[in-house]
PDB file of N, CA and C in Angstrom:
ATOM      1  N   GLN A   1      39.573  43.838 -15.327  1.00  0.00           N
ATOM      2  CA  GLN A   1      39.122  43.034 -14.168  1.00  0.00           C
ATOM      3  C   GLN A   1      37.598  42.835 -14.341  1.00  0.00           C
ATOM      4  N   ALA A   2      36.767  43.843 -14.719  1.00  0.00           N
ATOM      5  CA  ALA A   2      35.445  43.630 -14.965  1.00  0.00           C
ATOM      6  C   ALA A   2      35.186  42.475 -16.015  1.00  0.00           C
ATOM      7  N   GLU A   3      36.062  42.480 -17.001  1.00  0.00           N
ATOM      8  CA  GLU A   3      35.759  41.426 -17.972  1.00  0.00           C
ATOM      9  C   GLU A   3      36.105  40.156 -17.481  1.00  0.00           C
ATOM     10  N   GLU A   4      37.027  39.991 -16.579  1.00  0.00           N
ATOM     11  CA  GLU A   4      37.422  38.693 -15.907  1.00  0.00           C
ATOM     12  C   GLU A   4      36.314  38.264 -15.081  1.00  0.00           C
ATOM     13  N   GLU A   5      35.612  39.196 -14.297  1.00  0.00           N
ATOM     14  CA  GLU A   5      34.507  39.003 -13.441  1.00  0.00           C
ATOM     15  C   GLU A   5      33.319  38.397 -14.297  1.00  0.00           C
ATOM     16  N   LEU A   6      33.119  39.071 -15.407  1.00  0.00           N
ATOM     17  CA  LEU A   6      32.061  38.699 -16.348  1.00  0.00           C
ATOM     18  C   LEU A   6      32.254  37.320 -16.804  1.00  0.00           C
ATOM     19  N   ARG A   7      33.495  36.941 -17.193  1.00  0.00           N
ATOM     20  CA  ARG A   7      33.797  35.594 -17.758  1.00  0.00           C
ATOM     21  C   ARG A   7      33.482  34.418 -16.638  1.00  0.00           C
ATOM     22  N   GLU A   8      33.993  34.911 -15.370  1.00  0.00           N
ATOM     23  CA  GLU A   8      33.823  33.944 -14.149  1.00  0.00           C
ATOM     24  C   GLU A   8      32.200  33.866 -14.009  1.00  0.00           C
ATOM     25  N   GLY A   9      31.594  34.806 -14.075  1.00  0.00           N
ATOM     26  CA  GLY A   9      30.029  34.883 -13.955  1.00  0.00           C
ATOM     27  C   GLY A   9      29.431  33.857 -14.942  1.00  0.00           C
ATOM     28  N   CYS A  10      29.847  34.124 -16.158  1.00  0.00           N
ATOM     29  CA  CYS A  10      29.397  33.414 -17.326  1.00  0.00           C
ATOM     30  C   CYS A  10      29.726  31.804 -17.186  1.00  0.00           C
ATOM     31  N   ALA A  11      30.906  31.614 -16.590  1.00  0.00           N
ATOM     32  CA  ALA A  11      31.346  30.290 -16.460  1.00  0.00           C
ATOM     33  C   ALA A  11      30.557  29.611 -15.256  1.00  0.00           C
ATOM     34  N   ARG A  12      30.197  30.293 -14.410  1.00  0.00           N
ATOM     35  CA  ARG A  12      29.340  29.801 -13.207  1.00  0.00           C
ATOM     36  C   ARG A  12      28.049  29.532 -13.678  1.00  0.00           C
ATOM     37  N   GLN A  13      27.521  30.450 -14.458  1.00  0.00           N
ATOM     38  CA  GLN A  13      26.099  30.205 -15.003  1.00  0.00           C
ATOM     39  C   GLN A  13      26.006  29.028 -15.910  1.00  0.00           C
ATOM     40  N   ALA A  14      27.121  28.869 -16.622  1.00  0.00           N
ATOM     41  CA  ALA A  14      27.243  27.714 -17.689  1.00  0.00           C
ATOM     42  C   ALA A  14      27.153  26.488 -17.005  1.00  0.00           C
ATOM     43  N   LEU A  15      28.007  26.363 -15.767  1.00  0.00           N
ATOM     44  CA  LEU A  15      28.082  25.262 -14.995  1.00  0.00           C
ATOM     45  C   LEU A  15      26.724  24.938 -14.313  1.00  0.00           C
ATOM     46  N   GLN A  16      26.046  26.097 -13.801  1.00  0.00           N
ATOM     47  CA  GLN A  16      24.755  25.807 -13.349  1.00  0.00           C
ATOM     48  C   GLN A  16      23.691  25.313 -14.353  1.00  0.00           C
ATOM     49  N   LEU A  17      23.770  25.767 -15.578  1.00  0.00           N
ATOM     50  CA  LEU A  17      22.813  25.278 -16.498  1.00  0.00           C
ATOM     51  C   LEU A  17      23.207  23.821 -16.850  1.00  0.00           C
ATOM     52  N   GLN A  18      24.518  23.477 -16.891  1.00  0.00           N
ATOM     53  CA  GLN A  18      24.783  22.083 -17.228  1.00  0.00           C
ATOM     54  C   GLN A  18      24.254  21.171 -16.059  1.00  0.00           C
ATOM     55  N   GLU A  19      24.497  21.700 -14.810  1.00  0.00           N
ATOM     56  CA  GLU A  19      24.019  20.948 -13.639  1.00  0.00           C
ATOM     57  C   GLU A  19      22.458  20.790 -13.745  1.00  0.00           C
ATOM     58  N   MET A  20      21.808  21.754 -14.030  1.00  0.00           N
ATOM     59  CA  MET A  20      20.281  21.627 -14.243  1.00  0.00           C
ATOM     60  C   MET A  20      19.910  20.814 -15.282  1.00  0.00           C
ATOM     61  N   GLY A  21      20.535  20.844 -16.390  1.00  0.00           N
ATOM     62  CA  GLY A  21      20.319  19.863 -17.543  1.00  0.00           C
ATOM     63  C   GLY A  21      20.548  18.450 -17.091  1.00  0.00           C
ATOM     64  N   ARG A  22      21.664  18.195 -16.353  1.00  0.00           N
ATOM     65  CA  ARG A  22      21.897  16.855 -15.785  1.00  0.00           C
ATOM     66  C   ARG A  22      20.725  16.363 -14.902  1.00  0.00           C
ATOM     67  N   ARG A  23      20.339  17.299 -14.019  1.00  0.00           N
ATOM     68  CA  ARG A  23      19.309  16.930 -13.001  1.00  0.00           C
ATOM     69  C   ARG A  23      17.902  16.705 -13.812  1.00  0.00           C
ATOM     70  N   GLU A  24      17.766  17.457 -14.845  1.00  0.00           N
ATOM     71  CA  GLU A  24      16.548  17.214 -15.664  1.00  0.00           C
ATOM     72  C   GLU A  24      16.436  15.880 -16.268  1.00  0.00           C
ATOM     73  N   ARG A  25      17.652  15.590 -16.942  1.00  0.00           N
ATOM     74  CA  ARG A  25      17.771  14.171 -17.456  1.00  0.00           C
ATOM     75  C   ARG A  25      17.571  13.062 -16.576  1.00  0.00           C
ATOM     76  N   LEU A  26      18.089  13.190 -15.347  1.00  0.00           N
ATOM     77  CA  LEU A  26      17.859  12.234 -14.384  1.00  0.00           C
ATOM     78  C   LEU A  26      16.436  12.140 -13.853  1.00  0.00           C
ATOM     79  N   LEU A  27      15.750  13.267 -13.729  1.00  0.00           N
ATOM     80  CA  LEU A  27      14.413  13.347 -13.350  1.00  0.00           C
ATOM     81  C   LEU A  27      13.643  12.605 -14.406  1.00  0.00           C
ATOM     82  N   ARG A  28      13.876  12.827 -15.694  1.00  0.00           N
ATOM     83  CA  ARG A  28      13.073  12.299 -16.837  1.00  0.00           C
ATOM     84  C   ARG A  28      13.274  10.803 -16.822  1.00  0.00           C
ATOM     85  N   ALA A  29      14.553  10.310 -16.582  1.00  0.00           N
ATOM     86  CA  ALA A  29      14.821   8.915 -16.554  1.00  0.00           C
ATOM     87  C   ALA A  29      14.021   8.195 -15.311  1.00  0.00           C
ATOM     88  N   ASP A  30      14.082   8.999 -14.169  1.00  0.00           N
ATOM     89  CA  ASP A  30      13.160   8.451 -12.952  1.00  0.00           C
ATOM     90  C   ASP A  30      11.800   8.321 -13.331  1.00  0.00           C
ATOM     91  N   LEU A  31      11.298   9.403 -13.933  1.00  0.00           N
ATOM     92  CA  LEU A  31       9.971   9.441 -14.345  1.00  0.00           C
ATOM     93  C   LEU A  31       9.560   8.204 -15.236  1.00  0.00           C
ATOM     94  N   ARG A  32      10.408   8.019 -16.259  1.00  0.00           N
ATOM     95  CA  ARG A  32      10.191   7.030 -17.217  1.00  0.00           C
ATOM     96  C   ARG A  32      10.192   5.592 -16.440  1.00  0.00           C
ATOM     97  N   LEU A  33      11.117   5.351 -15.532  1.00  0.00           N
ATOM     98  CA  LEU A  33      11.260   4.215 -14.744  1.00  0.00           C
ATOM     99  C   LEU A  33       9.969   4.058 -13.896  1.00  0.00           C
ATOM    100  N   ALA A  34       9.536   5.025 -13.259  1.00  0.00           N
ATOM    101  CA  ALA A  34       8.316   4.990 -12.442  1.00  0.00           C
ATOM    102  C   ALA A  34       7.088   4.675 -13.274  1.00  0.00           C
ATOM    103  N   ARG A  35       6.938   5.240 -14.419  1.00  0.00           N
ATOM    104  CA  ARG A  35       5.902   4.946 -15.294  1.00  0.00           C
ATOM    105  C   ARG A  35       5.902   3.418 -15.695  1.00  0.00           C
ATOM    106  N   GLU A  36       7.019   2.936 -15.966  1.00  0.00           N
ATOM    107  CA  GLU A  36       7.167   1.547 -16.444  1.00  0.00           C
ATOM    108  C   GLU A  36       6.721   0.526 -15.123  1.00  0.00           C
ATOM    109  N   GLN A  37       7.186   1.022 -14.039  1.00  0.00           N
ATOM    110  CA  GLN A  37       7.037   0.210 -12.850  1.00  0.00           C
ATOM    111  C   GLN A  37       5.484   0.270 -12.454  1.00  0.00           C
ATOM    112  N   LEU A  38       4.804   1.442 -12.766  1.00  0.00           N
ATOM    113  CA  LEU A  38       3.305   1.514 -12.444  1.00  0.00           C
ATOM    114  C   LEU A  38       2.589   0.566 -13.362  1.00  0.00           C
ATOM    115  N   GLU A  39       2.947   0.647 -14.730  1.00  0.00           N
ATOM    116  CA  GLU A  39       2.395  -0.128 -15.616  1.00  0.00           C
ATOM    117  C   GLU A  39       2.511  -1.730 -15.300  1.00  0.00           C
ATOM    118  N   SER A  40       3.623  -1.970 -14.800  1.00  0.00           N
ATOM    119  CA  SER A  40       3.977  -3.352 -14.486  1.00  0.00           C
ATOM    120  C   SER A  40       3.116  -3.761 -13.280  1.00  0.00           C
ATOM    121  N   PHE A  41       3.020  -2.935 -12.298  1.00  0.00           N
ATOM    122  CA  PHE A  41       2.214  -3.105 -11.150  1.00  0.00           C
ATOM    123  C   PHE A  41       0.796  -3.242 -11.467  1.00  0.00           C
ATOM    124  N   LYS A  42       0.200  -2.486 -12.354  1.00  0.00           N
ATOM    125  CA  LYS A  42      -1.172  -2.537 -12.745  1.00  0.00           C
ATOM    126  C   LYS A  42      -1.353  -3.944 -13.332  1.00  0.00           C
ATOM    127  N   THR A  43      -0.431  -4.220 -14.218  1.00  0.00           N
ATOM    128  CA  THR A  43      -0.631  -5.698 -14.933  1.00  0.00           C
ATOM    129  C   THR A  43      -0.542  -6.748 -13.891  1.00  0.00           C
ATOM    130  N   GLN A  44       0.276  -6.705 -12.940  1.00  0.00           N
ATOM    131  CA  GLN A  44       0.390  -7.666 -12.006  1.00  0.00           C
ATOM    132  C   GLN A  44      -0.818  -7.885 -11.212  1.00  0.00           C
ATOM    133  N   VAL A  45      -1.389  -6.579 -10.640  1.00  0.00           N
ATOM    134  CA  VAL A  45      -2.529  -6.681  -9.931  1.00  0.00           C
ATOM    135  C   VAL A  45      -3.772  -7.194 -10.803  1.00  0.00           C
ATOM    136  N   MET A  46      -3.862  -6.923 -11.912  1.00  0.00           N
ATOM    137  CA  MET A  46      -5.060  -7.447 -12.768  1.00  0.00           C
ATOM    138  C   MET A  46      -4.766  -8.935 -13.010  1.00  0.00           C
ATOM    139  N   GLN A  47      -3.586  -9.380 -13.276  1.00  0.00           N
ATOM    140  CA  GLN A  47      -3.258 -10.878 -13.427  1.00  0.00           C
ATOM    141  C   GLN A  47      -3.633 -11.520 -12.192  1.00  0.00           C
ATOM    142  N   LEU A  48      -3.333 -11.046 -11.125  1.00  0.00           N
ATOM    143  CA  LEU A  48      -3.648 -11.712  -9.734  1.00  0.00           C
ATOM    144  C   LEU A  48      -5.109 -11.732  -9.461  1.00  0.00           C
ATOM    145  N   CYS A  49      -5.763 -10.630  -9.685  1.00  0.00           N
ATOM    146  CA  CYS A  49      -7.175 -10.436  -9.513  1.00  0.00           C
ATOM    147  C   CYS A  49      -8.098 -11.040 -10.462  1.00  0.00           C
ATOM    148  N   SER A  50      -7.693 -10.973 -11.721  1.00  0.00           N
ATOM    149  CA  SER A  50      -8.542 -11.585 -12.871  1.00  0.00           C
ATOM    150  C   SER A  50      -7.679 -11.768 -14.122  1.00  0.00           C
ATOM    151  N   PRO A  51      -7.126 -12.936 -14.155  1.00  0.00           N
ATOM    152  CA  PRO A  51      -6.198 -13.277 -15.217  1.00  0.00           C
ATOM    153  C   PRO A  51      -6.917 -13.034 -16.700  1.00  0.00           C
ATOM    154  N   ALA A  52      -8.251 -13.253 -16.728  1.00  0.00           N
ATOM    155  CA  ALA A  52      -8.732 -13.028 -17.993  1.00  0.00           C
ATOM    156  C   ALA A  52      -8.876 -11.605 -18.393  1.00  0.00           C
ATOM    157  N   ALA A  53      -9.069 -10.672 -17.365  1.00  0.00           N
ATOM    158  CA  ALA A  53      -9.113  -9.242 -17.622  1.00  0.00           C
ATOM    159  C   ALA A  53      -7.722  -8.772 -18.230  1.00  0.00           C
ATOM    160  N   ALA A  54      -6.694  -9.335 -17.734  1.00  0.00           N
ATOM    161  CA  ALA A  54      -5.333  -8.813 -18.256  1.00  0.00           C
ATOM    162  C   ALA A  54      -4.877  -9.733 -19.353  1.00  0.00           C
ATOM    163  N   GLY A  55      -5.655 -10.495 -20.002  1.00  0.00           N
ATOM    164  CA  GLY A  55      -5.192 -11.416 -20.963  1.00  0.00           C
ATOM    165  C   GLY A  55      -4.848 -10.867 -22.300  1.00  0.00           C
ATOM    166  N   VAL A  56      -5.472  -9.690 -22.653  1.00  0.00           N
ATOM    167  CA  VAL A  56      -5.320  -9.258 -24.108  1.00  0.00           C
ATOM    168  C   VAL A  56      -3.848  -8.663 -24.249  1.00  0.00           C
ATOM    169  N   ALA A  57      -3.000  -9.211 -25.008  1.00  0.00           N
ATOM    170  CA  ALA A  57      -1.651  -8.659 -25.127  1.00  0.00           C
ATOM    171  C   ALA A  57      -1.568  -7.436 -25.722  1.00  0.00           C
ATOM    172  N   GLY A  58      -0.818  -6.479 -25.263  1.00  0.00           N
ATOM    173  CA  GLY A  58      -0.626  -5.205 -25.834  1.00  0.00           C
ATOM    174  C   GLY A  58      -1.766  -4.184 -25.267  1.00  0.00           C
ATOM    175  N   LYS A  59      -2.791  -4.599 -24.703  1.00  0.00           N
ATOM    176  CA  LYS A  59      -3.806  -3.746 -24.247  1.00  0.00           C
ATOM    177  C   LYS A  59      -3.479  -3.190 -22.865  1.00  0.00           C
ATOM    178  N   ALA A  60      -3.290  -1.800 -22.779  1.00  0.00           N
ATOM    179  CA  ALA A  60      -3.038  -1.262 -21.601  1.00  0.00           C
ATOM    180  C   ALA A  60      -4.150  -1.287 -20.555  1.00  0.00           C
ATOM    181  N   ILE A  61      -3.971  -1.560 -19.290  1.00  0.00           N
ATOM    182  CA  ILE A  61      -4.707  -1.635 -18.236  1.00  0.00           C
ATOM    183  C   ILE A  61      -4.870  -0.311 -17.526  1.00  0.00           C
ATOM    184  N   THR A  62      -6.169   0.109 -17.552  1.00  0.00           N
ATOM    185  CA  THR A  62      -6.367   1.501 -17.062  1.00  0.00           C
ATOM    186  C   THR A  62      -6.314   1.546 -15.537  1.00  0.00           C
ATOM    187  N   GLU A  63      -6.026   2.682 -14.932  1.00  0.00           N
ATOM    188  CA  GLU A  63      -6.076   2.718 -13.508  1.00  0.00           C
ATOM    189  C   GLU A  63      -7.483   2.617 -13.004  1.00  0.00           C
ATOM    190  N   GLN A  64      -8.388   2.920 -13.853  1.00  0.00           N
ATOM    191  CA  GLN A  64      -9.827   2.711 -13.396  1.00  0.00           C
ATOM    192  C   GLN A  64     -10.111   1.235 -13.221  1.00  0.00           C
ATOM    193  N   GLN A  65      -9.635   0.407 -14.066  1.00  0.00           N
ATOM    194  CA  GLN A  65      -9.880  -1.033 -14.037  1.00  0.00           C
ATOM    195  C   GLN A  65      -9.197  -1.537 -12.852  1.00  0.00           C
ATOM    196  N   VAL A  66      -7.923  -1.212 -12.468  1.00  0.00           N
ATOM    197  CA  VAL A  66      -7.259  -1.559 -11.206  1.00  0.00           C
ATOM    198  C   VAL A  66      -8.053  -1.150 -10.057  1.00  0.00           C
ATOM    199  N   ILE A  67      -8.581   0.160 -10.047  1.00  0.00           N
ATOM    200  CA  ILE A  67      -9.333   0.574  -8.884  1.00  0.00           C
ATOM    201  C   ILE A  67     -10.566  -0.168  -8.744  1.00  0.00           C
ATOM    202  N   GLU A  68     -11.311  -0.381  -9.711  1.00  0.00           N
ATOM    203  CA  GLU A  68     -12.551  -1.189  -9.665  1.00  0.00           C
ATOM    204  C   GLU A  68     -12.249  -2.617  -9.241  1.00  0.00           C
ATOM    205  N   LYS A  69     -11.224  -3.253  -9.545  1.00  0.00           N
ATOM    206  CA  LYS A  69     -10.974  -4.636  -9.176  1.00  0.00           C
ATOM    207  C   LYS A  69     -10.570  -4.610  -7.775  1.00  0.00           C
ATOM    208  N   VAL A  70      -9.815  -3.547  -7.231  1.00  0.00           N
ATOM    209  CA  VAL A  70      -9.423  -3.588  -5.930  1.00  0.00           C
ATOM    210  C   VAL A  70     -10.664  -3.280  -4.980  1.00  0.00           C
ATOM    211  N   LYS A  71     -11.556  -2.472  -5.557  1.00  0.00           N
ATOM    212  CA  LYS A  71     -12.843  -2.131  -4.763  1.00  0.00           C
ATOM    213  C   LYS A  71     -13.643  -3.523  -4.642  1.00  0.00           C
ATOM    214  N   GLN A  72     -13.777  -4.201  -5.815  1.00  0.00           N
ATOM    215  CA  GLN A  72     -14.391  -5.507  -5.780  1.00  0.00           C
ATOM    216  C   GLN A  72     -13.848  -6.419  -4.762  1.00  0.00           C
ATOM    217  N   ILE A  73     -12.536  -6.497  -4.731  1.00  0.00           N
ATOM    218  CA  ILE A  73     -11.873  -7.430  -3.737  1.00  0.00           C
ATOM    219  C   ILE A  73     -12.142  -6.980  -2.329  1.00  0.00           C
ATOM    220  N   SER A  74     -12.046  -5.677  -2.090  1.00  0.00           N
ATOM    221  CA  SER A  74     -12.363  -5.165  -0.811  1.00  0.00           C
ATOM    222  C   SER A  74     -13.778  -5.518  -0.398  1.00  0.00           C
ATOM    223  N   GLU A  75     -14.650  -5.271  -1.279  1.00  0.00           N
ATOM    224  CA  GLU A  75     -16.142  -5.696  -0.873  1.00  0.00           C
ATOM    225  C   GLU A  75     -16.232  -7.177  -0.630  1.00  0.00           C
ATOM    226  N   GLU A  76     -15.676  -7.835  -1.483  1.00  0.00           N
ATOM    227  CA  GLU A  76     -15.745  -9.309  -1.157  1.00  0.00           C
ATOM    228  C   GLU A  76     -15.121  -9.692   0.186  1.00  0.00           C
ATOM    229  N   ASN A  77     -14.046  -9.144   0.529  1.00  0.00           N
ATOM    230  CA  ASN A  77     -13.398  -9.315   1.761  1.00  0.00           C
ATOM    231  C   ASN A  77     -14.335  -8.917   2.867  1.00  0.00           C
ATOM    232  N   GLN A  78     -15.008  -7.742   2.848  1.00  0.00           N
ATOM    233  CA  GLN A  78     -15.899  -7.286   3.857  1.00  0.00           C
ATOM    234  C   GLN A  78     -17.105  -8.238   3.943  1.00  0.00           C
ATOM    235  N   GLN A  79     -17.572  -8.767   2.845  1.00  0.00           N
ATOM    236  CA  GLN A  79     -18.539  -9.643   2.930  1.00  0.00           C
ATOM    237  C   GLN A  79     -18.238 -10.974   3.601  1.00  0.00           C
ATOM    238  N   SER A  80     -17.103 -11.499   3.312  1.00  0.00           N
ATOM    239  CA  SER A  80     -16.543 -12.691   3.925  1.00  0.00           C
ATOM    240  C   SER A  80     -16.379 -12.469   5.397  1.00  0.00           C
ATOM    241  N   ARG A  81     -15.925 -11.211   5.806  1.00  0.00           N
ATOM    242  CA  ARG A  81     -15.751 -11.086   7.246  1.00  0.00           C
ATOM    243  C   ARG A  81     -17.136 -10.987   7.920  1.00  0.00           C
ATOM    244  N   GLU A  82     -18.192 -10.404   7.252  1.00  0.00           N
ATOM    245  CA  GLU A  82     -19.555 -10.378   7.901  1.00  0.00           C
ATOM    246  C   GLU A  82     -20.067 -11.764   7.918  1.00  0.00           C
ATOM    247  N   ARG A  83     -19.870 -12.571   6.885  1.00  0.00           N
ATOM    248  CA  ARG A  83     -20.378 -13.935   6.877  1.00  0.00           C
ATOM    249  C   ARG A  83     -19.641 -14.754   7.955  1.00  0.00           C
ATOM    250  N   GLU A  84     -18.245 -14.434   8.185  1.00  0.00           N
ATOM    251  CA  GLU A  84     -17.618 -15.150   9.253  1.00  0.00           C
ATOM    252  C   GLU A  84     -18.122 -14.784  10.587  1.00  0.00           C
ATOM    253  N   LYS A  85     -18.488 -13.529  10.754  1.00  0.00           N
ATOM    254  CA  LYS A  85     -19.041 -13.083  12.116  1.00  0.00           C
ATOM    255  C   LYS A  85     -20.312 -13.678  12.307  1.00  0.00           C
ATOM    256  N   CYS A  86     -21.203 -13.930  11.353  1.00  0.00           N
ATOM    257  CA  CYS A  86     -22.563 -14.481  11.403  1.00  0.00           C
ATOM    258  C   CYS A  86     -22.313 -16.001  11.745  1.00  0.00           C
ATOM    259  N   LEU A  87     -21.419 -16.753  11.114  1.00  0.00           N
ATOM    260  CA  LEU A  87     -21.137 -17.998  11.388  1.00  0.00           C
ATOM    261  C   LEU A  87     -20.714 -18.197  12.960  1.00  0.00           C
ATOM    262  N   GLN A  88     -19.755 -17.263  13.318  1.00  0.00           N
ATOM    263  CA  GLN A  88     -19.189 -17.352  14.658  1.00  0.00           C
ATOM    264  C   GLN A  88     -20.372 -17.235  15.709  1.00  0.00           C
ATOM    265  N   GLU A  89     -21.274 -16.275  15.459  1.00  0.00           N
ATOM    266  CA  GLU A  89     -22.450 -16.071  16.292  1.00  0.00           C
ATOM    267  C   GLU A  89     -23.332 -17.336  16.262  1.00  0.00           C
ATOM    268  N   GLU A  90     -23.515 -17.932  15.059  1.00  0.00           N
ATOM    269  CA  GLU A  90     -24.352 -19.078  15.080  1.00  0.00           C
ATOM    270  C   GLU A  90     -23.691 -20.239  15.814  1.00  0.00           C
ATOM    271  N   LEU A  91     -22.442 -20.488  15.652  1.00  0.00           N
ATOM    272  CA  LEU A  91     -21.695 -21.500  16.368  1.00  0.00           C
ATOM    273  C   LEU A  91     -21.839 -21.255  17.794  1.00  0.00           C
ATOM    274  N   SER A  92     -21.699 -20.059  18.266  1.00  0.00           N
ATOM    275  CA  SER A  92     -21.594 -19.718  19.721  1.00  0.00           C
ATOM    276  C   SER A  92     -23.131 -20.051  20.236  1.00  0.00           C
ATOM    277  N   CYS A  93     -24.070 -19.732  19.508  1.00  0.00           N
ATOM    278  CA  CYS A  93     -25.463 -19.920  19.874  1.00  0.00           C
ATOM    279  C   CYS A  93     -25.670 -21.535  19.987  1.00  0.00           C
ATOM    280  N   ARG A  94     -25.130 -22.176  18.963  1.00  0.00           N
ATOM    281  CA  ARG A  94     -25.343 -23.595  18.981  1.00  0.00           C
ATOM    282  C   ARG A  94     -24.566 -24.311  20.157  1.00  0.00           C
ATOM    283  N   LEU A  95     -23.391 -23.826  20.471  1.00  0.00           N
ATOM    284  CA  LEU A  95     -22.675 -24.308  21.589  1.00  0.00           C
ATOM    285  C   LEU A  95     -23.362 -24.044  22.902  1.00  0.00           C
ATOM    286  N   SER A  96     -24.007 -22.935  23.098  1.00  0.00           N
ATOM    287  CA  SER A  96     -24.795 -22.610  24.244  1.00  0.00           C
ATOM    288  C   SER A  96     -25.831 -23.617  24.366  1.00  0.00           C
ATOM    289  N   LYS A  97     -26.654 -23.716  23.241  1.00  0.00           N
ATOM    290  CA  LYS A  97     -27.784 -24.609  23.251  1.00  0.00           C
ATOM    291  C   LYS A  97     -27.318 -26.085  23.652  1.00  0.00           C
ATOM    292  N   GLU A  98     -26.061 -26.455  22.999  1.00  0.00           N
ATOM    293  CA  GLU A  98     -25.555 -27.837  23.383  1.00  0.00           C
ATOM    294  C   GLU A  98     -25.335 -27.972  24.810  1.00  0.00           C
ATOM    295  N   LYS A  99     -24.622 -26.920  25.411  1.00  0.00           N
ATOM    296  CA  LYS A  99     -24.339 -27.041  26.793  1.00  0.00           C
ATOM    297  C   LYS A  99     -25.728 -27.158  27.660  1.00  0.00           C
ATOM    298  N   GLU A 100     -26.613 -26.387  27.240  1.00  0.00           N
ATOM    299  CA  GLU A 100     -27.966 -26.437  27.892  1.00  0.00           C
ATOM    300  C   GLU A 100     -28.602 -27.711  27.846  1.00  0.00           C
ATOM    301  N   VAL A 101     -28.579 -28.259  26.646  1.00  0.00           N
ATOM    302  CA  VAL A 101     -29.182 -29.713  26.488  1.00  0.00           C
ATOM    303  C   VAL A 101     -28.288 -30.793  27.328  1.00  0.00           C
ATOM    304  N   SER A 102     -27.064 -30.616  27.395  1.00  0.00           N
ATOM    305  CA  SER A 102     -26.157 -31.553  28.022  1.00  0.00           C
ATOM    306  C   SER A 102     -26.469 -31.413  29.561  1.00  0.00           C
ATOM    307  N   ALA A 103     -26.624 -30.186  30.091  1.00  0.00           N
ATOM    308  CA  ALA A 103     -26.931 -30.010  31.428  1.00  0.00           C
ATOM    309  C   ALA A 103     -28.372 -30.616  31.789  1.00  0.00           C
ATOM    310  N   ASN A 104     -29.277 -30.408  30.831  1.00  0.00           N
ATOM    311  CA  ASN A 104     -30.708 -31.093  31.042  1.00  0.00           C
ATOM    312  C   ASN A 104     -30.546 -32.595  31.017  1.00  0.00           C
ATOM    313  N   VAL A 105     -29.723 -33.228  30.150  1.00  0.00           N
ATOM    314  CA  VAL A 105     -29.483 -34.586  30.096  1.00  0.00           C
ATOM    315  C   VAL A 105     -29.016 -35.131  31.434  1.00  0.00           C
ATOM    316  N   LYS A 106     -27.993 -34.388  32.060  1.00  0.00           N
ATOM    317  CA  LYS A 106     -27.417 -34.858  33.255  1.00  0.00           C
ATOM    318  C   LYS A 106     -28.460 -34.802  34.387  1.00  0.00           C
ATOM    319  N   VAL A 107     -29.218 -33.696  34.453  1.00  0.00           N
ATOM    320  CA  VAL A 107     -30.426 -33.598  35.360  1.00  0.00           C
ATOM    321  C   VAL A 107     -31.277 -34.752  35.196  1.00  0.00           C
ATOM    322  N   PHE A 108     -31.609 -35.118  33.958  1.00  0.00           N
ATOM    323  CA  PHE A 108     -32.634 -36.102  33.625  1.00  0.00           C
ATOM    324  C   PHE A 108     -32.120 -37.536  34.085  1.00  0.00           C
ATOM    325  N   GLU A 109     -30.843 -37.676  33.822  1.00  0.00           N
ATOM    326  CA  GLU A 109     -30.108 -38.961  34.203  1.00  0.00           C
ATOM    327  C   GLU A 109     -30.163 -39.124  35.668  1.00  0.00           C
ATOM    328  N   LYS A 110     -29.770 -38.138  36.360  1.00  0.00           N
ATOM    329  CA  LYS A 110     -29.874 -37.988  37.858  1.00  0.00           C
ATOM    330  C   LYS A 110     -31.200 -38.287  38.426  1.00  0.00           C
ATOM    331  N   SER A 111     -32.191 -37.717  37.830  1.00  0.00           N
ATOM    332  CA  SER A 111     -33.566 -37.848  38.247  1.00  0.00           C
ATOM    333  C   SER A 111     -34.036 -39.364  38.039  1.00  0.00           C
ATOM    334  N   LEU A 112     -33.608 -39.848  36.910  1.00  0.00           N
ATOM    335  CA  LEU A 112     -33.872 -41.296  36.395  1.00  0.00           C
ATOM    336  C   LEU A 112     -33.202 -42.198  37.427  1.00  0.00           C
ATOM    337  N   ARG A 113     -31.960 -42.059  37.852  1.00  0.00           N
ATOM    338  CA  ARG A 113     -31.306 -42.886  38.751  1.00  0.00           C
ATOM    339  C   ARG A 113     -31.965 -42.826  40.122  1.00  0.00           C
ATOM    340  N   GLU A 114     -32.337 -41.614  40.578  1.00  0.00           N
ATOM    341  CA  GLU A 114     -33.063 -41.548  41.831  1.00  0.00           C
ATOM    342  C   GLU A 114     -34.378 -42.334  41.735  1.00  0.00           C
ATOM    343  N   LEU A 115     -35.027 -42.254  40.717  1.00  0.00           N
ATOM    344  CA  LEU A 115     -36.394 -42.932  40.523  1.00  0.00           C
ATOM    345  C   LEU A 115     -36.147 -44.509  40.654  1.00  0.00           C
ATOM    346  N   GLN A 116     -35.031 -44.958  40.079  1.00  0.00           N
ATOM    347  CA  GLN A 116     -34.769 -46.378  40.060  1.00  0.00           C
ATOM    348  C   GLN A 116     -34.422 -46.721  41.463  1.00  0.00           C
TER     349      GLN A 116
END
């Protein structure tokens, strides 16, 4: 009976080892796929951001290059937002001045009519 229990225990451990091996193979396959997807994503980002930077065939694009390009785009975006804000303020100021001038013209026209 003890021998039978030992065999069953060994069989269970063998099944567990097989299952662990299967899981390891799946994880390795998932990791390989994730690496390929990351490399593809980096290449796409660099091609979208700077086609010339990604132009050399076979040259791997580093994470640092992608990070720097994303930072550059982010900074350019921030500068564009600041420029837009300045232009909005300038436009608002000009509209206020235009309204003031228009009001002054109306007062002037009214005064001119009264003088006539």
